[in-house]
Amino acid sequence: MKISNSFDISSSALTAQRLRMDVISSNIANAETSRASVVDGKAVPYRRKMVVLSSQQNSFDHALNRAMGGQKTPGQGVKVTAIEGDPSAFKPVYNPTHPDADSQGYVYMPNVDIVKEMVDMISASRSYEANVTALNASKAMVTKALQIGK
């Protein structure tokens, strides 16, 4: 295992969690947006977005070691696979005076739950903090290892 692997793993996680916080911020900012786009002359509300993360593997290295039955390759970090829309239904709100109301007086609002978004934001920020701590610990270990040679 290379000494820089821990830096690579922590930095990939920091990047992924920062993007996750950006998407959550966008969801919170658009929680009341009933007209995010217009499709066929009809207003479509904002759809909640979610970040999909997966492990990052060096595919050839991983496949070769697995085929040879050798040692397992260490983790390579995390990557953002996709940013997907939440398929849950929009929330109907009765407001016949709203310009986007349908014939029954309902306005369809985004499927964003502020409480869920805040919990996700806390989770993402704690993950970010944990990865900063791991990065600083790795940096301290490398510094101490370099001082041994003096």
C-alpha atoms as a PDB file:
ATOM      1  CA  MET A   1       0.000   0.000   0.000  1.00  0.00           C
ATOM      2  CA  LYS A   2       1.386   3.364  -1.005  1.00  0.00           C
ATOM      3  CA  ILE A   3       1.708   6.087   1.597  1.00  0.00           C
ATOM      4  CA  SER A   4      -0.381   8.420  -0.554  1.00  0.00           C
ATOM      5  CA  ASN A   5      -3.398   6.066  -0.637  1.00  0.00           C
ATOM      6  CA  SER A   6      -4.826   7.540   2.541  1.00  0.00           C
ATOM      7  CA  PHE A   7      -4.570  11.031   1.040  1.00  0.00           C
ATOM      8  CA  ASP A   8      -6.312   9.874  -2.136  1.00  0.00           C
ATOM      9  CA  ILE A   9      -9.090   8.129  -0.214  1.00  0.00           C
ATOM     10  CA  SER A  10      -9.721  11.102   2.077  1.00  0.00           C
ATOM     11  CA  SER A  11      -9.639  13.616  -0.759  1.00  0.00           C
ATOM     12  CA  SER A  12     -12.123  11.618  -2.844  1.00  0.00           C
ATOM     13  CA  ALA A  13     -14.459  11.438   0.144  1.00  0.00           C
ATOM     14  CA  LEU A  14     -14.109  15.175   0.787  1.00  0.00           C
ATOM     15  CA  THR A  15     -15.007  15.926  -2.830  1.00  0.00           C
ATOM     16  CA  ALA A  16     -18.007  13.576  -2.751  1.00  0.00           C
ATOM     17  CA  GLN A  17     -19.348  14.964   0.536  1.00  0.00           C
ATOM     18  CA  ARG A  18     -18.924  18.556  -0.668  1.00  0.00           C
ATOM     19  CA  LEU A  19     -20.970  17.748  -3.777  1.00  0.00           C
ATOM     20  CA  ARG A  20     -23.554  16.017  -1.589  1.00  0.00           C
ATOM     21  CA  MET A  21     -23.838  19.166   0.578  1.00  0.00           C
ATOM     22  CA  ASP A  22     -24.222  21.304  -2.567  1.00  0.00           C
ATOM     23  CA  VAL A  23     -27.082  19.117  -3.831  1.00  0.00           C
ATOM     24  CA  ILE A  24     -28.784  19.179  -0.424  1.00  0.00           C
ATOM     25  CA  SER A  25     -28.463  22.979  -0.361  1.00  0.00           C
ATOM     26  CA  SER A  26     -30.092  23.113  -3.784  1.00  0.00           C
ATOM     27  CA  ASN A  27     -32.951  20.928  -2.540  1.00  0.00           C
ATOM     28  CA  ILE A  28     -33.538  23.194   0.472  1.00  0.00           C
ATOM     29  CA  ALA A  29     -33.387  26.337  -1.695  1.00  0.00           C
ATOM     30  CA  ASN A  30     -36.012  24.923  -4.072  1.00  0.00           C
ATOM     31  CA  ALA A  31     -38.347  23.422  -1.453  1.00  0.00           C
ATOM     32  CA  GLU A  32     -41.115  25.870  -2.410  1.00  0.00           C
ATOM     33  CA  THR A  33     -40.482  26.058  -6.179  1.00  0.00           C
ATOM     34  CA  SER A  34     -43.699  25.026  -7.885  1.00  0.00           C
ATOM     35  CA  ARG A  35     -42.477  26.039 -11.336  1.00  0.00           C
ATOM     36  CA  ALA A  36     -38.991  24.622 -11.883  1.00  0.00           C
ATOM     37  CA  SER A  37     -39.694  23.970 -15.542  1.00  0.00           C
ATOM     38  CA  VAL A  38     -42.541  24.051 -18.029  1.00  0.00           C
ATOM     39  CA  VAL A  39     -43.383  20.897 -19.974  1.00  0.00           C
ATOM     40  CA  ASP A  40     -46.086  21.028 -22.659  1.00  0.00           C
ATOM     41  CA  GLY A  41     -47.304  24.367 -21.306  1.00  0.00           C
ATOM     42  CA  LYS A  42     -47.736  22.950 -17.806  1.00  0.00           C
ATOM     43  CA  ALA A  43     -45.625  23.963 -14.782  1.00  0.00           C
ATOM     44  CA  VAL A  44     -43.582  21.139 -13.283  1.00  0.00           C
ATOM     45  CA  PRO A  45     -42.348  21.484  -9.685  1.00  0.00           C
ATOM     46  CA  TYR A  46     -38.764  21.007  -8.598  1.00  0.00           C
ATOM     47  CA  ARG A  47     -37.846  17.344  -8.082  1.00  0.00           C
ATOM     48  CA  ARG A  48     -35.603  16.473  -5.139  1.00  0.00           C
ATOM     49  CA  LYS A  49     -32.128  15.339  -6.184  1.00  0.00           C
ATOM     50  CA  MET A  50     -30.022  12.649  -4.530  1.00  0.00           C
ATOM     51  CA  VAL A  51     -26.314  11.874  -4.886  1.00  0.00           C
ATOM     52  CA  VAL A  52     -25.404   8.247  -5.583  1.00  0.00           C
ATOM     53  CA  LEU A  53     -21.979   7.225  -4.295  1.00  0.00           C
ATOM     54  CA  SER A  54     -20.023   4.064  -5.026  1.00  0.00           C
ATOM     55  CA  SER A  55     -16.622   2.694  -4.175  1.00  0.00           C
ATOM     56  CA  GLN A  56     -13.813   3.566  -6.503  1.00  0.00           C
ATOM     57  CA  GLN A  57     -11.827   0.538  -7.586  1.00  0.00           C
ATOM     58  CA  ASN A  58      -8.807   0.324  -9.799  1.00  0.00           C
ATOM     59  CA  SER A  59     -10.612  -2.090 -12.127  1.00  0.00           C
ATOM     60  CA  PHE A  60      -7.663  -3.884 -13.729  1.00  0.00           C
ATOM     61  CA  ASP A  61      -5.742  -4.204 -10.457  1.00  0.00           C
ATOM     62  CA  HIS A  62      -8.837  -5.405  -8.637  1.00  0.00           C
ATOM     63  CA  ALA A  63      -9.777  -7.909 -11.359  1.00  0.00           C
ATOM     64  CA  LEU A  64      -6.254  -9.294 -11.651  1.00  0.00           C
ATOM     65  CA  ASN A  65      -5.857  -9.848  -7.906  1.00  0.00           C
ATOM     66  CA  ARG A  66      -9.293 -11.440  -7.701  1.00  0.00           C
ATOM     67  CA  ALA A  67      -8.539 -13.751 -10.657  1.00  0.00           C
ATOM     68  CA  MET A  68      -5.205 -14.807  -9.217  1.00  0.00           C
ATOM     69  CA  GLY A  69      -6.708 -15.447  -5.786  1.00  0.00           C
ATOM     70  CA  GLY A  70      -4.088 -13.187  -4.294  1.00  0.00           C
ATOM     71  CA  GLN A  71      -4.318 -10.533  -1.666  1.00  0.00           C
ATOM     72  CA  LYS A  72      -7.242  -8.194  -1.714  1.00  0.00           C
ATOM     73  CA  THR A  73      -6.615  -4.724  -3.054  1.00  0.00           C
ATOM     74  CA  PRO A  74      -7.151  -1.902  -0.567  1.00  0.00           C
ATOM     75  CA  GLY A  75      -9.972   0.575  -1.036  1.00  0.00           C
ATOM     76  CA  GLN A  76      -9.431   3.336  -3.528  1.00  0.00           C
ATOM     77  CA  GLY A  77     -11.915   5.850  -2.150  1.00  0.00           C
ATOM     78  CA  VAL A  78     -15.363   6.909  -3.222  1.00  0.00           C
ATOM     79  CA  LYS A  79     -16.795   8.466  -6.364  1.00  0.00           C
ATOM     80  CA  VAL A  80     -20.063  10.082  -7.353  1.00  0.00           C
ATOM     81  CA  THR A  81     -21.844   7.729  -9.709  1.00  0.00           C
ATOM     82  CA  ALA A  82     -24.876   9.889 -10.473  1.00  0.00           C
ATOM     83  CA  ILE A  83     -27.189  12.629  -9.297  1.00  0.00           C
ATOM     84  CA  GLU A  84     -30.698  11.229  -9.593  1.00  0.00           C
ATOM     85  CA  GLY A  85     -34.148  12.674  -9.125  1.00  0.00           C
ATOM     86  CA  ASP A  86     -36.267  11.323  -6.276  1.00  0.00           C
ATOM     87  CA  PRO A  87     -39.153   9.353  -7.849  1.00  0.00           C
ATOM     88  CA  SER A  88     -41.587  10.039  -4.992  1.00  0.00           C
ATOM     89  CA  ALA A  89     -44.797  11.904  -5.766  1.00  0.00           C
ATOM     90  CA  PHE A  90     -45.180  15.665  -5.554  1.00  0.00           C
ATOM     91  CA  LYS A  91     -47.162  17.088  -2.621  1.00  0.00           C
ATOM     92  CA  PRO A  92     -50.594  18.437  -3.569  1.00  0.00           C
ATOM     93  CA  VAL A  93     -51.494  21.641  -1.710  1.00  0.00           C
ATOM     94  CA  TYR A  94     -54.961  23.200  -1.976  1.00  0.00           C
ATOM     95  CA  ASN A  95     -54.543  26.821  -3.099  1.00  0.00           C
ATOM     96  CA  PRO A  96     -57.038  27.793  -5.817  1.00  0.00           C
ATOM     97  CA  THR A  97     -55.629  31.350  -6.093  1.00  0.00           C
ATOM     98  CA  HIS A  98     -52.142  30.159  -7.063  1.00  0.00           C
ATOM     99  CA  PRO A  99     -51.293  30.665 -10.761  1.00  0.00           C
ATOM    100  CA  ASP A 100     -50.131  27.024 -11.065  1.00  0.00           C
ATOM    101  CA  ALA A 101     -53.313  25.539  -9.557  1.00  0.00           C
ATOM    102  CA  ASP A 102     -55.097  22.833 -11.550  1.00  0.00           C
ATOM    103  CA  SER A 103     -58.846  22.715 -12.199  1.00  0.00           C
ATOM    104  CA  GLN A 104     -59.544  21.354  -8.679  1.00  0.00           C
ATOM    105  CA  GLY A 105     -57.458  24.124  -7.067  1.00  0.00           C
ATOM    106  CA  TYR A 106     -54.435  21.996  -6.168  1.00  0.00           C
ATOM    107  CA  VAL A 107     -50.873  23.124  -6.653  1.00  0.00           C
ATOM    108  CA  TYR A 108     -48.231  20.411  -6.790  1.00  0.00           C
ATOM    109  CA  MET A 109     -45.235  21.294  -4.647  1.00  0.00           C
ATOM    110  CA  PRO A 110     -41.755  19.717  -4.705  1.00  0.00           C
ATOM    111  CA  ASN A 111     -41.154  16.386  -2.997  1.00  0.00           C
ATOM    112  CA  VAL A 112     -38.547  17.991  -0.707  1.00  0.00           C
ATOM    113  CA  ASP A 113     -38.866  17.348   3.032  1.00  0.00           C
ATOM    114  CA  ILE A 114     -36.857  19.985   4.906  1.00  0.00           C
ATOM    115  CA  VAL A 115     -36.361  17.754   7.965  1.00  0.00           C
ATOM    116  CA  LYS A 116     -34.957  14.930   5.822  1.00  0.00           C
ATOM    117  CA  GLU A 117     -32.685  17.383   4.025  1.00  0.00           C
ATOM    118  CA  MET A 118     -31.363  18.785   7.303  1.00  0.00           C
ATOM    119  CA  VAL A 119     -30.624  15.265   8.584  1.00  0.00           C
ATOM    120  CA  ASP A 120     -28.807  14.510   5.316  1.00  0.00           C
ATOM    121  CA  MET A 121     -26.893  17.805   5.625  1.00  0.00           C
ATOM    122  CA  ILE A 122     -25.762  16.953   9.163  1.00  0.00           C
ATOM    123  CA  SER A 123     -24.700  13.487   7.991  1.00  0.00           C
ATOM    124  CA  ALA A 124     -22.731  14.916   5.064  1.00  0.00           C
ATOM    125  CA  SER A 125     -21.033  17.566   7.199  1.00  0.00           C
ATOM    126  CA  ARG A 126     -20.070  14.983   9.848  1.00  0.00           C
ATOM    127  CA  SER A 127     -18.630  12.736   7.130  1.00  0.00           C
ATOM    128  CA  TYR A 128     -16.713  15.704   5.784  1.00  0.00           C
ATOM    129  CA  GLU A 129     -15.340  16.491   9.260  1.00  0.00           C
ATOM    130  CA  ALA A 130     -14.340  12.844   9.799  1.00  0.00           C
ATOM    131  CA  ASN A 131     -12.437  12.804   6.509  1.00  0.00           C
ATOM    132  CA  VAL A 132     -10.655  16.051   7.371  1.00  0.00           C
ATOM    133  CA  THR A 133      -9.598  14.454  10.665  1.00  0.00           C
ATOM    134  CA  ALA A 134      -8.367  11.328   8.851  1.00  0.00           C
ATOM    135  CA  LEU A 135      -6.447  13.476   6.360  1.00  0.00           C
ATOM    136  CA  ASN A 136      -4.801  15.450   9.169  1.00  0.00           C
ATOM    137  CA  ALA A 137      -3.888  12.217  11.000  1.00  0.00           C
ATOM    138  CA  SER A 138      -2.297  10.828   7.831  1.00  0.00           C
ATOM    139  CA  LYS A 139      -0.391  14.060   7.334  1.00  0.00           C
ATOM    140  CA  ALA A 140       0.873  13.927  10.932  1.00  0.00           C
ATOM    141  CA  MET A 141       2.002  10.297  10.500  1.00  0.00           C
ATOM    142  CA  VAL A 142       3.894  11.111   7.312  1.00  0.00           C
ATOM    143  CA  THR A 143       5.535  14.109   8.998  1.00  0.00           C
ATOM    144  CA  LYS A 144       6.607  11.971  11.959  1.00  0.00           C
ATOM    145  CA  ALA A 145       7.930   9.244   9.615  1.00  0.00           C
ATOM    146  CA  LEU A 146      10.018  11.820   7.759  1.00  0.00           C
ATOM    147  CA  GLN A 147      11.421  13.138  11.044  1.00  0.00           C
ATOM    148  CA  ILE A 148      12.634   9.636  11.974  1.00  0.00           C
ATOM    149  CA  GLY A 149      15.185   9.781   9.169  1.00  0.00           C
ATOM    150  CA  LYS A 150      16.822  12.967  10.491  1.00  0.00           C
END
